[in-house]
């Protein structure tokens, strides 16, 4: 029996996924969570085989949560269930430690297929993502996906309008360190100003409100 913690802020969505998963005799949803904080507590308590989580949570993005859970509970494999199907989200989720990514627009059966594939040690992408990657292979080479985790954090905060001083305070690092990351990421992205950063983030949907 594989134990699963389900993380999504919409009760109706959680219930639908739970019913689908528990139709399988060897899959058991041991906890349902609506926030990142709830997820951290539940995973610590249940120590599940797998965590299925949404990226849009009321207390923040699911991306940092992936990284945190993988560092604290490396035995738990993670599958993202999300409405976000953009390549930056997919690449970043996988880079941070997710083993699978299933968009909410595909057939429900793909969720079960994804859970089973990940439990077998595979990396799983839903059919729409696999098809898009096959049709647009260069999208995975987006320079944004070459940024380190910290550079990406600085990039998004600067693109969101924060000053380097505010970014330093937000991330708990020195202002000089922010300028170092800023220079590095702007070089990788070929950006000349914060306006370029805003444009690049907007074009990729990275500044869209969570939901």
Protein backbone atom coordinates (compact mmCIF):
# COMPACT_ATOMS: atom_id res chain seq x y z
CA UNK A 1 0.00 0.00 0.00
CA UNK A 2 1.41 3.40 -1.04
CA UNK A 3 0.58 6.32 1.26
CA UNK A 4 -0.15 9.71 -0.29
CA UNK A 5 -0.51 13.24 1.09
CA UNK A 6 -2.72 15.40 -1.14
CA UNK A 7 -2.09 19.18 -1.15
CA UNK A 8 -4.54 21.56 -2.85
CA UNK A 9 -6.33 24.63 -1.51
CA UNK A 10 -9.65 23.72 -3.15
CA UNK A 11 -11.69 21.17 -1.18
CA UNK A 12 -13.69 20.08 -4.23
CA UNK A 13 -10.52 19.40 -6.20
CA UNK A 14 -9.00 17.46 -3.29
CA UNK A 15 -12.12 15.36 -2.92
CA UNK A 16 -12.19 14.55 -6.62
CA UNK A 17 -8.55 13.50 -6.69
CA UNK A 18 -8.96 11.52 -3.46
CA UNK A 19 -11.88 9.52 -4.85
CA UNK A 20 -9.98 8.81 -8.04
CA UNK A 21 -6.84 7.72 -6.21
CA UNK A 22 -8.66 5.54 -3.69
CA UNK A 23 -10.35 3.59 -6.47
CA UNK A 24 -6.93 1.92 -6.70
CA UNK A 25 -6.57 -0.85 -4.11
CA UNK A 26 -2.91 -0.13 -3.37
CA UNK A 27 -3.10 3.70 -3.09
CA UNK A 28 -4.21 5.40 0.11
CA UNK A 29 -4.64 9.14 0.76
CA UNK A 30 -3.56 9.46 4.40
CA UNK A 31 -3.92 13.25 4.65
CA UNK A 32 -5.40 16.21 2.80
CA UNK A 33 -3.86 19.67 3.10
CA UNK A 34 -4.91 23.12 1.90
CA UNK A 35 -1.67 25.03 2.53
CA UNK A 36 2.11 24.67 2.53
CA UNK A 37 2.22 24.80 6.33
CA UNK A 38 -0.38 22.03 6.57
CA UNK A 39 1.64 19.98 4.10
CA UNK A 40 4.88 20.31 6.05
CA UNK A 41 3.11 19.16 9.21
CA UNK A 42 1.30 16.26 7.51
CA UNK A 43 4.37 14.96 5.70
CA UNK A 44 6.36 15.14 8.92
CA UNK A 45 3.66 13.16 10.73
CA UNK A 46 2.73 10.56 8.13
CA UNK A 47 6.05 10.25 6.24
CA UNK A 48 4.20 9.25 3.06
CA UNK A 49 5.57 7.51 0.01
CA UNK A 50 4.32 10.29 -2.22
CA UNK A 51 3.09 13.89 -2.08
CA UNK A 52 0.73 15.20 -4.78
CA UNK A 53 0.63 18.98 -4.64
CA UNK A 54 -0.68 22.05 -6.41
CA UNK A 55 1.67 24.97 -7.06
CA UNK A 56 -0.84 27.69 -6.10
CA UNK A 57 -1.36 27.65 -2.36
CA UNK A 58 -2.81 30.35 -0.07
CA UNK A 59 0.45 30.76 1.86
CA UNK A 60 2.78 30.84 -1.11
CA UNK A 61 4.01 28.99 -4.17
CA UNK A 62 4.39 25.24 -4.11
CA UNK A 63 7.85 25.51 -5.71
CA UNK A 64 9.74 26.30 -2.47
CA UNK A 65 7.64 23.64 -0.76
CA UNK A 66 8.93 21.01 -3.18
CA UNK A 67 12.51 21.88 -2.32
CA UNK A 68 11.80 21.94 1.41
CA UNK A 69 10.02 18.59 1.46
CA UNK A 70 12.74 16.95 -0.60
CA UNK A 71 15.44 18.21 1.77
CA UNK A 72 13.62 17.23 4.97
CA UNK A 73 11.86 14.08 3.76
CA UNK A 74 13.88 12.74 0.81
CA UNK A 75 11.99 9.44 0.88
CA UNK A 76 8.78 11.17 -0.23
CA UNK A 77 8.47 11.51 -4.00
CA UNK A 78 6.55 14.48 -5.33
CA UNK A 79 4.09 14.86 -8.19
CA UNK A 80 2.82 18.33 -9.10
CA UNK A 81 -0.86 18.70 -10.00
CA UNK A 82 -1.32 22.16 -11.46
CA UNK A 83 -3.29 24.42 -13.75
CA UNK A 84 0.03 26.02 -14.72
CA UNK A 85 1.32 24.33 -17.86
CA UNK A 86 4.07 26.78 -18.85
CA UNK A 87 7.52 25.31 -19.42
CA UNK A 88 9.15 27.56 -16.77
CA UNK A 89 6.87 26.09 -14.11
CA UNK A 90 7.48 22.53 -15.27
CA UNK A 91 11.25 22.90 -15.52
CA UNK A 92 11.51 24.66 -12.17
CA UNK A 93 9.35 22.08 -10.40
CA UNK A 94 11.49 19.24 -11.76
CA UNK A 95 14.69 21.10 -10.96
CA UNK A 96 13.60 21.58 -7.37
CA UNK A 97 12.96 17.90 -6.90
CA UNK A 98 9.54 16.93 -8.26
CA UNK A 99 9.46 13.54 -9.98
CA UNK A 100 6.33 14.21 -11.99
CA UNK A 101 4.11 16.99 -13.33
CA UNK A 102 0.47 16.50 -14.30
CA UNK A 103 -1.68 19.38 -15.57
CA UNK A 104 -5.27 19.59 -14.37
CA UNK A 105 -6.55 19.75 -17.94
CA UNK A 106 -5.73 16.16 -18.86
CA UNK A 107 -7.80 13.03 -18.29
CA UNK A 108 -8.00 12.10 -14.58
CA UNK A 109 -6.56 8.67 -15.34
CA UNK A 110 -3.24 10.33 -16.10
CA UNK A 111 -2.91 11.28 -12.45
CA UNK A 112 -2.98 7.65 -11.39
CA UNK A 113 -0.58 6.75 -14.19
CA UNK A 114 1.75 9.51 -13.01
CA UNK A 115 1.65 8.37 -9.39
CA UNK A 116 2.45 4.81 -10.38
CA UNK A 117 5.28 5.84 -12.71
CA UNK A 118 6.88 8.01 -10.04
CA UNK A 119 6.61 5.25 -7.44
CA UNK A 120 8.53 3.04 -9.87
CA UNK A 121 11.34 5.59 -9.98
CA UNK A 122 10.40 7.21 -13.28
CA UNK A 123 9.99 10.89 -14.13
CA UNK A 124 6.45 11.46 -15.43
CA UNK A 125 4.95 14.29 -17.50
CA UNK A 126 1.30 14.36 -18.53
CA UNK A 127 0.56 13.78 -22.21
CA UNK A 128 0.00 17.45 -23.07
CA UNK A 129 3.40 18.40 -21.67
CA UNK A 130 5.15 15.55 -23.46
CA UNK A 131 3.52 16.53 -26.74
CA UNK A 132 4.49 20.19 -26.36
CA UNK A 133 8.07 19.32 -25.53
CA UNK A 134 8.22 17.15 -28.63
CA UNK A 135 6.79 19.96 -30.78
CA UNK A 136 8.83 22.76 -29.21
CA UNK A 137 12.05 21.23 -27.91
CA UNK A 138 13.80 24.61 -27.70
CA UNK A 139 11.35 25.83 -25.07
CA UNK A 140 13.12 23.69 -22.49
CA UNK A 141 16.28 25.65 -23.33
CA UNK A 142 14.74 28.94 -22.16
CA UNK A 143 17.55 30.95 -20.50
CA UNK A 144 15.31 31.50 -17.46
CA UNK A 145 15.64 27.78 -16.80
CA UNK A 146 19.43 28.16 -16.58
CA UNK A 147 19.21 30.37 -13.49
CA UNK A 148 20.18 28.97 -10.11
CA UNK A 149 17.49 28.81 -7.43
CA UNK A 150 18.76 31.99 -5.77
CA UNK A 151 19.15 33.82 -9.10
CA UNK A 152 15.57 32.92 -9.97
CA UNK A 153 14.34 34.27 -6.64
CA UNK A 154 16.21 37.53 -7.19
CA UNK A 155 14.98 37.69 -10.80
CA UNK A 156 11.32 37.36 -9.84
CA UNK A 157 11.55 39.87 -6.99
CA UNK A 158 13.32 42.47 -9.15
CA UNK A 159 10.87 41.83 -11.98
CA UNK A 160 8.07 42.34 -9.47
CA UNK A 161 9.29 45.85 -8.74
CA UNK A 162 11.40 45.44 -5.59
CA UNK A 163 14.65 47.36 -5.19
CA UNK A 164 17.90 45.49 -4.48
CA UNK A 165 17.67 46.69 -0.87
CA UNK A 166 14.14 45.28 -0.58
CA UNK A 167 15.21 42.02 -2.24
CA UNK A 168 18.03 41.68 0.30
CA UNK A 169 15.58 42.14 3.17
CA UNK A 170 13.07 39.72 1.63
CA UNK A 171 15.64 36.96 1.15
CA UNK A 172 17.69 37.65 4.28
CA UNK A 173 20.93 38.20 2.38
CA UNK A 174 23.32 41.12 1.96
CA UNK A 175 22.65 43.85 -0.58
CA UNK A 176 26.07 43.23 -2.14
CA UNK A 177 25.08 39.58 -2.66
CA UNK A 178 21.91 40.72 -4.41
CA UNK A 179 23.96 42.83 -6.83
CA UNK A 180 26.21 39.83 -7.55
CA UNK A 181 23.19 37.63 -8.34
CA UNK A 182 21.64 40.48 -10.32
CA UNK A 183 24.71 40.82 -12.53
CA UNK A 184 24.91 37.07 -13.08
CA UNK A 185 21.24 36.56 -13.95
CA UNK A 186 21.10 39.59 -16.22
CA UNK A 187 24.10 38.23 -18.07
CA UNK A 188 22.46 34.83 -18.51
CA UNK A 189 19.19 36.42 -19.65
CA UNK A 190 20.74 39.09 -21.84
CA UNK A 191 18.80 41.74 -19.92
CA UNK A 192 19.92 45.35 -19.69
CA UNK A 193 17.53 46.66 -17.05
CA UNK A 194 14.81 45.79 -14.55
CA UNK A 195 12.29 46.66 -17.26
CA UNK A 196 13.74 43.81 -19.35
CA UNK A 197 13.37 41.51 -16.36
CA UNK A 198 9.73 42.54 -15.94
CA UNK A 199 9.05 41.94 -19.63
CA UNK A 200 10.68 38.51 -19.60
CA UNK A 201 8.81 37.44 -16.45
CA UNK A 202 5.49 38.75 -17.81
CA UNK A 203 5.91 37.00 -21.17
CA UNK A 204 6.42 33.71 -19.35
CA UNK A 205 3.47 34.20 -17.03
CA UNK A 206 5.72 34.20 -13.97
CA UNK A 207 4.14 37.34 -12.49
CA UNK A 208 0.56 36.14 -12.84
CA UNK A 209 -1.38 36.11 -9.58
CA UNK A 210 -1.59 32.77 -7.78
CA UNK A 211 -4.84 30.91 -8.17
